[in-house]
């Protein structure tokens, strides 16, 4: 396993004088703080709402749909790139909600 900055600072703190150790301890504390907050960003919240709409559309479909078919069925106006990216996320994340199939060079999506 690779050594993290926090691990490296821990080793360095033990090897230096007390004044330098204080500075390194402060630096270590800053690194241990999580960058940003744990709440989702505005875009992430909006994407979750869009993913819910996609789930609804795919759930009501009898067969796998293309991105353009999903776009036409969605109530709001989205770009095909955005829908493609969200479908990819939904297929790659831990839940594997969406299954992608390729028929004659055309990607089709369905709920898993």
PDB file of N, CA and C in Angstrom:
ATOM      1  N   UNK A   1       0.844  -1.184   0.000  1.00  0.00           N
ATOM      2  CA  UNK A   1       0.000   0.000   0.000  1.00  0.00           C
ATOM      3  C   UNK A   1       0.886   1.243   0.000  1.00  0.00           C
ATOM      4  N   UNK A   2       0.469   2.248  -0.729  1.00  0.00           N
ATOM      5  CA  UNK A   2       1.256   3.470  -0.841  1.00  0.00           C
ATOM      6  C   UNK A   2       1.149   4.301   0.435  1.00  0.00           C
ATOM      7  N   UNK A   3       2.210   5.010   0.727  1.00  0.00           N
ATOM      8  CA  UNK A   3       2.236   5.865   1.910  1.00  0.00           C
ATOM      9  C   UNK A   3       1.495   7.165   1.593  1.00  0.00           C
ATOM     10  N   UNK A   4       0.589   7.554   2.480  1.00  0.00           N
ATOM     11  CA  UNK A   4      -0.143   8.801   2.295  1.00  0.00           C
ATOM     12  C   UNK A   4       0.655   9.953   2.887  1.00  0.00           C
ATOM     13  N   UNK A   5       0.215  11.172   2.605  1.00  0.00           N
ATOM     14  CA  UNK A   5       0.864  12.350   3.176  1.00  0.00           C
ATOM     15  C   UNK A   5       0.766  12.328   4.697  1.00  0.00           C
ATOM     16  N   UNK A   6      -0.370  11.877   5.220  1.00  0.00           N
ATOM     17  CA  UNK A   6      -0.547  11.827   6.674  1.00  0.00           C
ATOM     18  C   UNK A   6       0.436  10.842   7.290  1.00  0.00           C
ATOM     19  N   UNK A   7       0.611   9.686   6.656  1.00  0.00           N
ATOM     20  CA  UNK A   7       1.583   8.698   7.145  1.00  0.00           C
ATOM     21  C   UNK A   7       3.004   9.266   7.118  1.00  0.00           C
ATOM     22  N   UNK A   8       3.327   9.942   6.015  1.00  0.00           N
ATOM     23  CA  UNK A   8       4.663  10.526   5.883  1.00  0.00           C
ATOM     24  C   UNK A   8       4.899  11.590   6.956  1.00  0.00           C
ATOM     25  N   UNK A   9       3.885  12.393   7.224  1.00  0.00           N
ATOM     26  CA  UNK A   9       4.022  13.419   8.256  1.00  0.00           C
ATOM     27  C   UNK A   9       4.188  12.799   9.641  1.00  0.00           C
ATOM     28  N   UNK A  10       3.495  11.699   9.898  1.00  0.00           N
ATOM     29  CA  UNK A  10       3.630  11.014  11.183  1.00  0.00           C
ATOM     30  C   UNK A  10       5.070  10.556  11.391  1.00  0.00           C
ATOM     31  N   UNK A  11       5.667   9.998  10.367  1.00  0.00           N
ATOM     32  CA  UNK A  11       7.057   9.556  10.448  1.00  0.00           C
ATOM     33  C   UNK A  11       7.977  10.762  10.643  1.00  0.00           C
ATOM     34  N   UNK A  12       7.720  11.832   9.899  1.00  0.00           N
ATOM     35  CA  UNK A  12       8.564  13.026   9.982  1.00  0.00           C
ATOM     36  C   UNK A  12       8.460  13.695  11.347  1.00  0.00           C
ATOM     37  N   UNK A  13       7.272  13.705  11.929  1.00  0.00           N
ATOM     38  CA  UNK A  13       7.073  14.336  13.240  1.00  0.00           C
ATOM     39  C   UNK A  13       7.943  13.657  14.295  1.00  0.00           C
ATOM     40  N   UNK A  14       8.035  12.340  14.214  1.00  0.00           N
ATOM     41  CA  UNK A  14       8.837  11.584  15.180  1.00  0.00           C
ATOM     42  C   UNK A  14      10.338  11.793  14.983  1.00  0.00           C
ATOM     43  N   UNK A  15      10.731  12.269  13.809  1.00  0.00           N
ATOM     44  CA  UNK A  15      12.156  12.369  13.502  1.00  0.00           C
ATOM     45  C   UNK A  15      12.732  13.782  13.614  1.00  0.00           C
ATOM     46  N   UNK A  16      11.919  14.781  13.933  1.00  0.00           N
ATOM     47  CA  UNK A  16      12.409  16.165  13.944  1.00  0.00           C
ATOM     48  C   UNK A  16      12.306  16.773  15.339  1.00  0.00           C
ATOM     49  N   UNK A  17      12.859  17.994  15.491  1.00  0.00           N
ATOM     50  CA  UNK A  17      12.816  18.687  16.782  1.00  0.00           C
ATOM     51  C   UNK A  17      11.386  19.155  17.084  1.00  0.00           C
ATOM     52  N   UNK A  18      11.169  19.629  18.310  1.00  0.00           N
ATOM     53  CA  UNK A  18       9.813  19.928  18.776  1.00  0.00           C
ATOM     54  C   UNK A  18       9.154  21.085  18.024  1.00  0.00           C
ATOM     55  N   UNK A  19       9.918  22.127  17.680  1.00  0.00           N
ATOM     56  CA  UNK A  19       9.322  23.265  16.969  1.00  0.00           C
ATOM     57  C   UNK A  19       8.822  22.840  15.588  1.00  0.00           C
ATOM     58  N   UNK A  20       9.638  22.085  14.869  1.00  0.00           N
ATOM     59  CA  UNK A  20       9.240  21.588  13.557  1.00  0.00           C
ATOM     60  C   UNK A  20       8.098  20.587  13.698  1.00  0.00           C
ATOM     61  N   UNK A  21       8.127  19.793  14.756  1.00  0.00           N
ATOM     62  CA  UNK A  21       7.068  18.815  14.987  1.00  0.00           C
ATOM     63  C   UNK A  21       5.723  19.505  15.179  1.00  0.00           C
ATOM     64  N   UNK A  22       5.711  20.660  15.856  1.00  0.00           N
ATOM     65  CA  UNK A  22       4.464  21.416  16.029  1.00  0.00           C
ATOM     66  C   UNK A  22       3.895  21.841  14.682  1.00  0.00           C
ATOM     67  N   UNK A  23       4.767  22.374  13.824  1.00  0.00           N
ATOM     68  CA  UNK A  23       4.332  22.816  12.493  1.00  0.00           C
ATOM     69  C   UNK A  23       3.795  21.634  11.679  1.00  0.00           C
ATOM     70  N   UNK A  24       4.517  20.521  11.735  1.00  0.00           N
ATOM     71  CA  UNK A  24       4.087  19.340  10.985  1.00  0.00           C
ATOM     72  C   UNK A  24       2.791  18.758  11.538  1.00  0.00           C
ATOM     73  N   UNK A  25       2.601  18.845  12.855  1.00  0.00           N
ATOM     74  CA  UNK A  25       1.360  18.366  13.464  1.00  0.00           C
ATOM     75  C   UNK A  25       0.178  19.209  12.978  1.00  0.00           C
ATOM     76  N   UNK A  26       0.378  20.525  12.874  1.00  0.00           N
ATOM     77  CA  UNK A  26      -0.672  21.405  12.362  1.00  0.00           C
ATOM     78  C   UNK A  26      -0.985  21.082  10.900  1.00  0.00           C
ATOM     79  N   UNK A  27       0.056  20.835  10.127  1.00  0.00           N
ATOM     80  CA  UNK A  27      -0.132  20.470   8.730  1.00  0.00           C
ATOM     81  C   UNK A  27      -0.872  19.141   8.609  1.00  0.00           C
ATOM     82  N   UNK A  28      -0.529  18.204   9.464  1.00  0.00           N
ATOM     83  CA  UNK A  28      -1.187  16.901   9.467  1.00  0.00           C
ATOM     84  C   UNK A  28      -2.675  17.056   9.786  1.00  0.00           C
ATOM     85  N   UNK A  29      -2.998  17.925  10.749  1.00  0.00           N
ATOM     86  CA  UNK A  29      -4.393  18.162  11.112  1.00  0.00           C
ATOM     87  C   UNK A  29      -5.171  18.733   9.925  1.00  0.00           C
ATOM     88  N   UNK A  30      -4.534  19.629   9.181  1.00  0.00           N
ATOM     89  CA  UNK A  30      -5.194  20.198   8.006  1.00  0.00           C
ATOM     90  C   UNK A  30      -5.453  19.127   6.946  1.00  0.00           C
ATOM     91  N   UNK A  31      -4.486  18.248   6.750  1.00  0.00           N
ATOM     92  CA  UNK A  31      -4.658  17.188   5.760  1.00  0.00           C
ATOM     93  C   UNK A  31      -5.742  16.199   6.163  1.00  0.00           C
ATOM     94  N   UNK A  32      -5.891  15.987   7.459  1.00  0.00           N
ATOM     95  CA  UNK A  32      -6.876  15.024   7.928  1.00  0.00           C
ATOM     96  C   UNK A  32      -8.305  15.562   7.838  1.00  0.00           C
ATOM     97  N   UNK A  33      -8.438  16.887   7.810  1.00  0.00           N
ATOM     98  CA  UNK A  33      -9.764  17.467   7.637  1.00  0.00           C
ATOM     99  C   UNK A  33     -10.260  17.094   6.260  1.00  0.00           C
ATOM    100  N   UNK A  34     -11.524  16.805   6.180  1.00  0.00           N
ATOM    101  CA  UNK A  34     -12.070  16.484   4.868  1.00  0.00           C
ATOM    102  C   UNK A  34     -12.245  17.765   4.077  1.00  0.00           C
ATOM    103  N   UNK A  35     -11.846  17.708   2.850  1.00  0.00           N
ATOM    104  CA  UNK A  35     -11.990  18.863   1.969  1.00  0.00           C
ATOM    105  C   UNK A  35     -13.468  19.012   1.644  1.00  0.00           C
ATOM    106  N   UNK A  36     -14.026  20.177   1.892  1.00  0.00           N
ATOM    107  CA  UNK A  36     -15.431  20.416   1.611  1.00  0.00           C
ATOM    108  C   UNK A  36     -16.315  19.758   2.656  1.00  0.00           C
ATOM    109  N   UNK A  37     -17.589  19.791   2.398  1.00  0.00           N
ATOM    110  CA  UNK A  37     -18.532  19.196   3.331  1.00  0.00           C
ATOM    111  C   UNK A  37     -19.026  17.867   2.778  1.00  0.00           C
ATOM    112  N   UNK A  38     -19.709  17.138   3.602  1.00  0.00           N
ATOM    113  CA  UNK A  38     -20.175  15.833   3.175  1.00  0.00           C
ATOM    114  C   UNK A  38     -21.527  15.911   2.476  1.00  0.00           C
ATOM    115  N   UNK A  39     -22.145  17.090   2.457  1.00  0.00           N
ATOM    116  CA  UNK A  39     -23.430  17.156   1.770  1.00  0.00           C
ATOM    117  C   UNK A  39     -23.212  17.293   0.267  1.00  0.00           C
ATOM    118  N   UNK A  40     -24.137  16.761  -0.514  1.00  0.00           N
ATOM    119  CA  UNK A  40     -23.976  16.797  -1.969  1.00  0.00           C
ATOM    120  C   UNK A  40     -24.086  18.220  -2.521  1.00  0.00           C
ATOM    121  N   UNK A  41     -23.437  18.423  -3.655  1.00  0.00           N
ATOM    122  CA  UNK A  41     -23.488  19.733  -4.298  1.00  0.00           C
ATOM    123  C   UNK A  41     -24.841  19.931  -4.974  1.00  0.00           C
ATOM    124  N   UNK A  42     -25.085  21.159  -5.407  1.00  0.00           N
ATOM    125  CA  UNK A  42     -26.337  21.499  -6.083  1.00  0.00           C
ATOM    126  C   UNK A  42     -26.501  20.648  -7.351  1.00  0.00           C
ATOM    127  N   UNK A  43     -25.419  20.465  -8.096  1.00  0.00           N
ATOM    128  CA  UNK A  43     -25.457  19.668  -9.323  1.00  0.00           C
ATOM    129  C   UNK A  43     -25.750  18.202  -9.020  1.00  0.00           C
ATOM    130  N   UNK A  44     -25.143  17.668  -7.958  1.00  0.00           N
ATOM    131  CA  UNK A  44     -25.392  16.277  -7.585  1.00  0.00           C
ATOM    132  C   UNK A  44     -26.848  16.062  -7.208  1.00  0.00           C
ATOM    133  N   UNK A  45     -27.436  17.025  -6.510  1.00  0.00           N
ATOM    134  CA  UNK A  45     -28.852  16.925  -6.133  1.00  0.00           C
ATOM    135  C   UNK A  45     -29.718  16.941  -7.391  1.00  0.00           C
ATOM    136  N   UNK A  46     -29.407  17.847  -8.321  1.00  0.00           N
ATOM    137  CA  UNK A  46     -30.162  17.926  -9.571  1.00  0.00           C
ATOM    138  C   UNK A  46     -30.009  16.644 -10.386  1.00  0.00           C
ATOM    139  N   UNK A  47     -28.797  16.083 -10.402  1.00  0.00           N
ATOM    140  CA  UNK A  47     -28.569  14.836 -11.135  1.00  0.00           C
ATOM    141  C   UNK A  47     -29.366  13.683 -10.538  1.00  0.00           C
ATOM    142  N   UNK A  48     -29.499  13.641  -9.222  1.00  0.00           N
ATOM    143  CA  UNK A  48     -30.282  12.577  -8.589  1.00  0.00           C
ATOM    144  C   UNK A  48     -31.741  12.668  -9.007  1.00  0.00           C
ATOM    145  N   UNK A  49     -32.261  13.891  -9.114  1.00  0.00           N
ATOM    146  CA  UNK A  49     -33.641  14.078  -9.567  1.00  0.00           C
ATOM    147  C   UNK A  49     -33.789  13.607 -11.013  1.00  0.00           C
ATOM    148  N   UNK A  50     -32.808  13.926 -11.847  1.00  0.00           N
ATOM    149  CA  UNK A  50     -32.844  13.501 -13.245  1.00  0.00           C
ATOM    150  C   UNK A  50     -32.738  11.983 -13.338  1.00  0.00           C
ATOM    151  N   UNK A  51     -31.895  11.381 -12.512  1.00  0.00           N
ATOM    152  CA  UNK A  51     -31.775   9.913 -12.503  1.00  0.00           C
ATOM    153  C   UNK A  51     -33.098   9.264 -12.116  1.00  0.00           C
ATOM    154  N   UNK A  52     -33.828   9.888 -11.192  1.00  0.00           N
ATOM    155  CA  UNK A  52     -35.138   9.360 -10.799  1.00  0.00           C
ATOM    156  C   UNK A  52     -36.101   9.395 -11.986  1.00  0.00           C
ATOM    157  N   UNK A  53     -36.057  10.478 -12.771  1.00  0.00           N
ATOM    158  CA  UNK A  53     -36.894  10.575 -13.967  1.00  0.00           C
ATOM    159  C   UNK A  53     -36.516   9.495 -14.979  1.00  0.00           C
ATOM    160  N   UNK A  54     -35.218   9.261 -15.141  1.00  0.00           N
ATOM    161  CA  UNK A  54     -34.746   8.227 -16.075  1.00  0.00           C
ATOM    162  C   UNK A  54     -35.229   6.857 -15.611  1.00  0.00           C
ATOM    163  N   UNK A  55     -35.132   6.583 -14.294  1.00  0.00           N
ATOM    164  CA  UNK A  55     -35.613   5.309 -13.751  1.00  0.00           C
ATOM    165  C   UNK A  55     -37.093   5.115 -14.065  1.00  0.00           C
ATOM    166  N   UNK A  56     -37.862   6.195 -13.915  1.00  0.00           N
ATOM    167  CA  UNK A  56     -39.299   6.140 -14.174  1.00  0.00           C
ATOM    168  C   UNK A  56     -39.567   5.781 -15.635  1.00  0.00           C
ATOM    169  N   UNK A  57     -38.855   6.449 -16.546  1.00  0.00           N
ATOM    170  CA  UNK A  57     -39.034   6.206 -17.979  1.00  0.00           C
ATOM    171  C   UNK A  57     -38.633   4.777 -18.328  1.00  0.00           C
ATOM    172  N   UNK A  58     -37.467   4.341 -17.846  1.00  0.00           N
ATOM    173  CA  UNK A  58     -37.007   2.981 -18.160  1.00  0.00           C
ATOM    174  C   UNK A  58     -37.899   1.923 -17.508  1.00  0.00           C
ATOM    175  N   UNK A  59     -38.440   2.236 -16.344  1.00  0.00           N
ATOM    176  CA  UNK A  59     -39.322   1.291 -15.655  1.00  0.00           C
ATOM    177  C   UNK A  59     -40.627   1.067 -16.403  1.00  0.00           C
ATOM    178  N   UNK A  60     -41.095   2.092 -17.097  1.00  0.00           N
ATOM    179  CA  UNK A  60     -42.355   1.968 -17.839  1.00  0.00           C
ATOM    180  C   UNK A  60     -42.150   1.416 -19.247  1.00  0.00           C
ATOM    181  N   UNK A  61     -40.907   1.291 -19.666  1.00  0.00           N
ATOM    182  CA  UNK A  61     -40.619   0.797 -21.023  1.00  0.00           C
ATOM    183  C   UNK A  61     -40.702  -0.725 -21.074  1.00  0.00           C
ATOM    184  N   UNK A  62     -41.189  -1.219 -22.214  1.00  0.00           N
ATOM    185  CA  UNK A  62     -41.307  -2.670 -22.408  1.00  0.00           C
ATOM    186  C   UNK A  62     -39.994  -3.285 -22.868  1.00  0.00           C
ATOM    187  N   UNK A  63     -39.179  -2.492 -23.534  1.00  0.00           N
ATOM    188  CA  UNK A  63     -37.909  -2.993 -24.068  1.00  0.00           C
ATOM    189  C   UNK A  63     -36.827  -1.944 -23.859  1.00  0.00           C
ATOM    190  N   UNK A  64     -35.564  -2.308 -24.014  1.00  0.00           N
ATOM    191  CA  UNK A  64     -34.476  -1.338 -23.845  1.00  0.00           C
ATOM    192  C   UNK A  64     -34.649  -0.141 -24.783  1.00  0.00           C
ATOM    193  N   UNK A  65     -34.208   1.036 -24.313  1.00  0.00           N
ATOM    194  CA  UNK A  65     -34.384   2.281 -25.060  1.00  0.00           C
ATOM    195  C   UNK A  65     -33.045   2.918 -25.393  1.00  0.00           C
ATOM    196  N   UNK A  66     -33.010   3.661 -26.494  1.00  0.00           N
ATOM    197  CA  UNK A  66     -31.822   4.434 -26.844  1.00  0.00           C
ATOM    198  C   UNK A  66     -31.862   5.757 -26.083  1.00  0.00           C
ATOM    199  N   UNK A  67     -30.764   6.477 -26.093  1.00  0.00           N
ATOM    200  CA  UNK A  67     -30.695   7.767 -25.406  1.00  0.00           C
ATOM    201  C   UNK A  67     -31.722   8.734 -25.994  1.00  0.00           C
ATOM    202  N   UNK A  68     -31.848   8.758 -27.317  1.00  0.00           N
ATOM    203  CA  UNK A  68     -32.804   9.683 -27.940  1.00  0.00           C
ATOM    204  C   UNK A  68     -34.242   9.327 -27.574  1.00  0.00           C
ATOM    205  N   UNK A  69     -34.556   8.055 -27.450  1.00  0.00           N
ATOM    206  CA  UNK A  69     -35.900   7.655 -27.024  1.00  0.00           C
ATOM    207  C   UNK A  69     -36.156   8.079 -25.582  1.00  0.00           C
ATOM    208  N   UNK A  70     -35.136   7.939 -24.742  1.00  0.00           N
ATOM    209  CA  UNK A  70     -35.265   8.363 -23.341  1.00  0.00           C
ATOM    210  C   UNK A  70     -35.460   9.874 -23.283  1.00  0.00           C
ATOM    211  N   UNK A  71     -34.688  10.622 -24.094  1.00  0.00           N
ATOM    212  CA  UNK A  71     -34.808  12.087 -24.137  1.00  0.00           C
ATOM    213  C   UNK A  71     -36.230  12.514 -24.489  1.00  0.00           C
ATOM    214  N   UNK A  72     -36.830  11.863 -25.487  1.00  0.00           N
ATOM    215  CA  UNK A  72     -38.194  12.219 -25.905  1.00  0.00           C
ATOM    216  C   UNK A  72     -39.212  11.913 -24.807  1.00  0.00           C
ATOM    217  N   UNK A  73     -38.942  10.878 -24.003  1.00  0.00           N
ATOM    218  CA  UNK A  73     -39.889  10.480 -22.968  1.00  0.00           C
ATOM    219  C   UNK A  73     -39.756  11.301 -21.684  1.00  0.00           C
ATOM    220  N   UNK A  74     -38.624  11.971 -21.507  1.00  0.00           N
ATOM    221  CA  UNK A  74     -38.415  12.766 -20.290  1.00  0.00           C
ATOM    222  C   UNK A  74     -39.224  14.058 -20.347  1.00  0.00           C
ATOM    223  N   UNK A  75     -39.774  14.470 -19.191  1.00  0.00           N
ATOM    224  CA  UNK A  75     -40.589  15.685 -19.165  1.00  0.00           C
ATOM    225  C   UNK A  75     -39.780  16.972 -19.354  1.00  0.00           C
ATOM    226  N   UNK A  76     -38.554  17.012 -18.887  1.00  0.00           N
ATOM    227  CA  UNK A  76     -37.725  18.215 -19.000  1.00  0.00           C
ATOM    228  C   UNK A  76     -36.804  18.113 -20.200  1.00  0.00           C
ATOM    229  N   UNK A  77     -36.210  19.242 -20.561  1.00  0.00           N
ATOM    230  CA  UNK A  77     -35.316  19.303 -21.713  1.00  0.00           C
ATOM    231  C   UNK A  77     -33.872  19.112 -21.252  1.00  0.00           C
ATOM    232  N   UNK A  78     -33.270  17.994 -21.643  1.00  0.00           N
ATOM    233  CA  UNK A  78     -31.885  17.692 -21.288  1.00  0.00           C
ATOM    234  C   UNK A  78     -31.097  17.447 -22.565  1.00  0.00           C
ATOM    235  N   UNK A  79     -29.774  17.557 -22.472  1.00  0.00           N
ATOM    236  CA  UNK A  79     -28.936  17.228 -23.623  1.00  0.00           C
ATOM    237  C   UNK A  79     -28.679  15.719 -23.635  1.00  0.00           C
ATOM    238  N   UNK A  80     -28.413  15.206 -24.821  1.00  0.00           N
ATOM    239  CA  UNK A  80     -28.140  13.771 -24.933  1.00  0.00           C
ATOM    240  C   UNK A  80     -26.848  13.410 -24.198  1.00  0.00           C
ATOM    241  N   UNK A  81     -25.886  14.359 -24.160  1.00  0.00           N
ATOM    242  CA  UNK A  81     -24.632  14.101 -23.454  1.00  0.00           C
ATOM    243  C   UNK A  81     -24.882  13.923 -21.957  1.00  0.00           C
ATOM    244  N   UNK A  82     -25.757  14.754 -21.398  1.00  0.00           N
ATOM    245  CA  UNK A  82     -26.052  14.672 -19.966  1.00  0.00           C
ATOM    246  C   UNK A  82     -26.732  13.340 -19.644  1.00  0.00           C
ATOM    247  N   UNK A  83     -27.707  12.963 -20.456  1.00  0.00           N
ATOM    248  CA  UNK A  83     -28.423  11.710 -20.217  1.00  0.00           C
ATOM    249  C   UNK A  83     -27.472  10.528 -20.378  1.00  0.00           C
ATOM    250  N   UNK A  84     -26.606  10.574 -21.379  1.00  0.00           N
ATOM    251  CA  UNK A  84     -25.621   9.495 -21.576  1.00  0.00           C
ATOM    252  C   UNK A  84     -24.707   9.369 -20.363  1.00  0.00           C
ATOM    253  N   UNK A  85     -24.246  10.510 -19.858  1.00  0.00           N
ATOM    254  CA  UNK A  85     -23.351  10.496 -18.696  1.00  0.00           C
ATOM    255  C   UNK A  85     -24.065   9.937 -17.469  1.00  0.00           C
ATOM    256  N   UNK A  86     -25.309  10.327 -17.265  1.00  0.00           N
ATOM    257  CA  UNK A  86     -26.056   9.822 -16.109  1.00  0.00           C
ATOM    258  C   UNK A  86     -26.350   8.335 -16.249  1.00  0.00           C
ATOM    259  N   UNK A  87     -26.668   7.887 -17.456  1.00  0.00           N
ATOM    260  CA  UNK A  87     -26.895   6.457 -17.679  1.00  0.00           C
ATOM    261  C   UNK A  87     -25.627   5.657 -17.394  1.00  0.00           C
ATOM    262  N   UNK A  88     -24.489   6.210 -17.827  1.00  0.00           N
ATOM    263  CA  UNK A  88     -23.209   5.542 -17.561  1.00  0.00           C
ATOM    264  C   UNK A  88     -22.959   5.454 -16.062  1.00  0.00           C
ATOM    265  N   UNK A  89     -23.212   6.562 -15.343  1.00  0.00           N
ATOM    266  CA  UNK A  89     -23.051   6.555 -13.882  1.00  0.00           C
ATOM    267  C   UNK A  89     -23.967   5.516 -13.236  1.00  0.00           C
ATOM    268  N   UNK A  90     -25.194   5.443 -13.713  1.00  0.00           N
ATOM    269  CA  UNK A  90     -26.149   4.509 -13.136  1.00  0.00           C
ATOM    270  C   UNK A  90     -25.752   3.058 -13.404  1.00  0.00           C
ATOM    271  N   UNK A  91     -25.006   2.828 -14.478  1.00  0.00           N
ATOM    272  CA  UNK A  91     -24.551   1.481 -14.799  1.00  0.00           C
ATOM    273  C   UNK A  91     -23.247   1.118 -14.128  1.00  0.00           C
ATOM    274  N   UNK A  92     -22.429   2.126 -13.793  1.00  0.00           N
ATOM    275  CA  UNK A  92     -21.109   1.856 -13.231  1.00  0.00           C
ATOM    276  C   UNK A  92     -21.072   1.897 -11.714  1.00  0.00           C
ATOM    277  N   UNK A  93     -22.006   2.602 -11.098  1.00  0.00           N
ATOM    278  CA  UNK A  93     -21.940   2.703  -9.634  1.00  0.00           C
ATOM    279  C   UNK A  93     -22.238   1.352  -8.993  1.00  0.00           C
ATOM    280  N   UNK A  94     -22.157   1.285  -7.710  1.00  0.00           N
ATOM    281  CA  UNK A  94     -22.294   0.025  -6.988  1.00  0.00           C
ATOM    282  C   UNK A  94     -23.629  -0.668  -7.183  1.00  0.00           C
ATOM    283  N   UNK A  95     -24.675   0.081  -7.517  1.00  0.00           N
ATOM    284  CA  UNK A  95     -26.006  -0.520  -7.626  1.00  0.00           C
ATOM    285  C   UNK A  95     -26.233  -1.205  -8.961  1.00  0.00           C
ATOM    286  N   UNK A  96     -25.523  -0.774  -9.999  1.00  0.00           N
ATOM    287  CA  UNK A  96     -25.704  -1.331 -11.355  1.00  0.00           C
ATOM    288  C   UNK A  96     -27.186  -1.308 -11.734  1.00  0.00           C
ATOM    289  N   UNK A  97     -27.807  -0.130 -11.616  1.00  0.00           N
ATOM    290  CA  UNK A  97     -29.233   0.006 -11.892  1.00  0.00           C
ATOM    291  C   UNK A  97     -29.584  -0.186 -13.355  1.00  0.00           C
ATOM    292  N   UNK A  98     -28.683   0.258 -14.233  1.00  0.00           N
ATOM    293  CA  UNK A  98     -28.966   0.271 -15.665  1.00  0.00           C
ATOM    294  C   UNK A  98     -28.037  -0.701 -16.376  1.00  0.00           C
ATOM    295  N   UNK A  99     -28.609  -1.427 -17.334  1.00  0.00           N
ATOM    296  CA  UNK A  99     -27.832  -2.361 -18.138  1.00  0.00           C
ATOM    297  C   UNK A  99     -27.771  -1.817 -19.556  1.00  0.00           C
ATOM    298  N   UNK A 100     -26.564  -1.781 -20.108  1.00  0.00           N
ATOM    299  CA  UNK A 100     -26.369  -1.293 -21.478  1.00  0.00           C
ATOM    300  C   UNK A 100     -26.180  -2.489 -22.392  1.00  0.00           C
ATOM    301  N   UNK A 101     -26.943  -2.505 -23.476  1.00  0.00           N
ATOM    302  CA  UNK A 101     -26.762  -3.527 -24.499  1.00  0.00           C
ATOM    303  C   UNK A 101     -26.502  -2.821 -25.821  1.00  0.00           C
ATOM    304  N   UNK A 102     -25.709  -3.445 -26.671  1.00  0.00           N
ATOM    305  CA  UNK A 102     -25.397  -2.857 -27.969  1.00  0.00           C
ATOM    306  C   UNK A 102     -25.926  -3.791 -29.048  1.00  0.00           C
ATOM    307  N   UNK A 103     -26.859  -3.244 -29.852  1.00  0.00           N
ATOM    308  CA  UNK A 103     -27.448  -4.000 -30.959  1.00  0.00           C
ATOM    309  C   UNK A 103     -27.178  -3.247 -32.251  1.00  0.00           C
ATOM    310  N   UNK A 104     -26.478  -3.850 -33.159  1.00  0.00           N
ATOM    311  CA  UNK A 104     -26.154  -3.232 -34.454  1.00  0.00           C
ATOM    312  C   UNK A 104     -25.574  -1.827 -34.267  1.00  0.00           C
ATOM    313  N   UNK A 105     -24.585  -1.709 -33.395  1.00  0.00           N
ATOM    314  CA  UNK A 105     -23.869  -0.460 -33.103  1.00  0.00           C
ATOM    315  C   UNK A 105     -24.746   0.611 -32.464  1.00  0.00           C
ATOM    316  N   UNK A 106     -25.896   0.230 -31.913  1.00  0.00           N
ATOM    317  CA  UNK A 106     -26.790   1.164 -31.232  1.00  0.00           C
ATOM    318  C   UNK A 106     -26.876   0.750 -29.762  1.00  0.00           C
ATOM    319  N   UNK A 107     -26.538   1.684 -28.882  1.00  0.00           N
ATOM    320  CA  UNK A 107     -26.604   1.403 -27.445  1.00  0.00           C
ATOM    321  C   UNK A 107     -28.034   1.541 -26.957  1.00  0.00           C
ATOM    322  N   UNK A 108     -28.465   0.544 -26.210  1.00  0.00           N
ATOM    323  CA  UNK A 108     -29.809   0.567 -25.620  1.00  0.00           C
ATOM    324  C   UNK A 108     -29.665   0.333 -24.119  1.00  0.00           C
ATOM    325  N   UNK A 109     -30.552   0.954 -23.369  1.00  0.00           N
ATOM    326  CA  UNK A 109     -30.474   0.904 -21.915  1.00  0.00           C
ATOM    327  C   UNK A 109     -31.779   0.376 -21.345  1.00  0.00           C
ATOM    328  N   UNK A 110     -31.654  -0.401 -20.270  1.00  0.00           N
ATOM    329  CA  UNK A 110     -32.818  -0.916 -19.551  1.00  0.00           C
ATOM    330  C   UNK A 110     -32.464  -1.017 -18.078  1.00  0.00           C
ATOM    331  N   UNK A 111     -33.478  -1.057 -17.230  1.00  0.00           N
ATOM    332  CA  UNK A 111     -33.237  -1.257 -15.814  1.00  0.00           C
ATOM    333  C   UNK A 111     -32.754  -2.668 -15.585  1.00  0.00           C
ATOM    334  N   UNK A 112     -31.872  -2.845 -14.635  1.00  0.00           N
ATOM    335  CA  UNK A 112     -31.315  -4.164 -14.334  1.00  0.00           C
ATOM    336  C   UNK A 112     -32.357  -5.043 -13.663  1.00  0.00           C
TER     337      UNK A 112
END
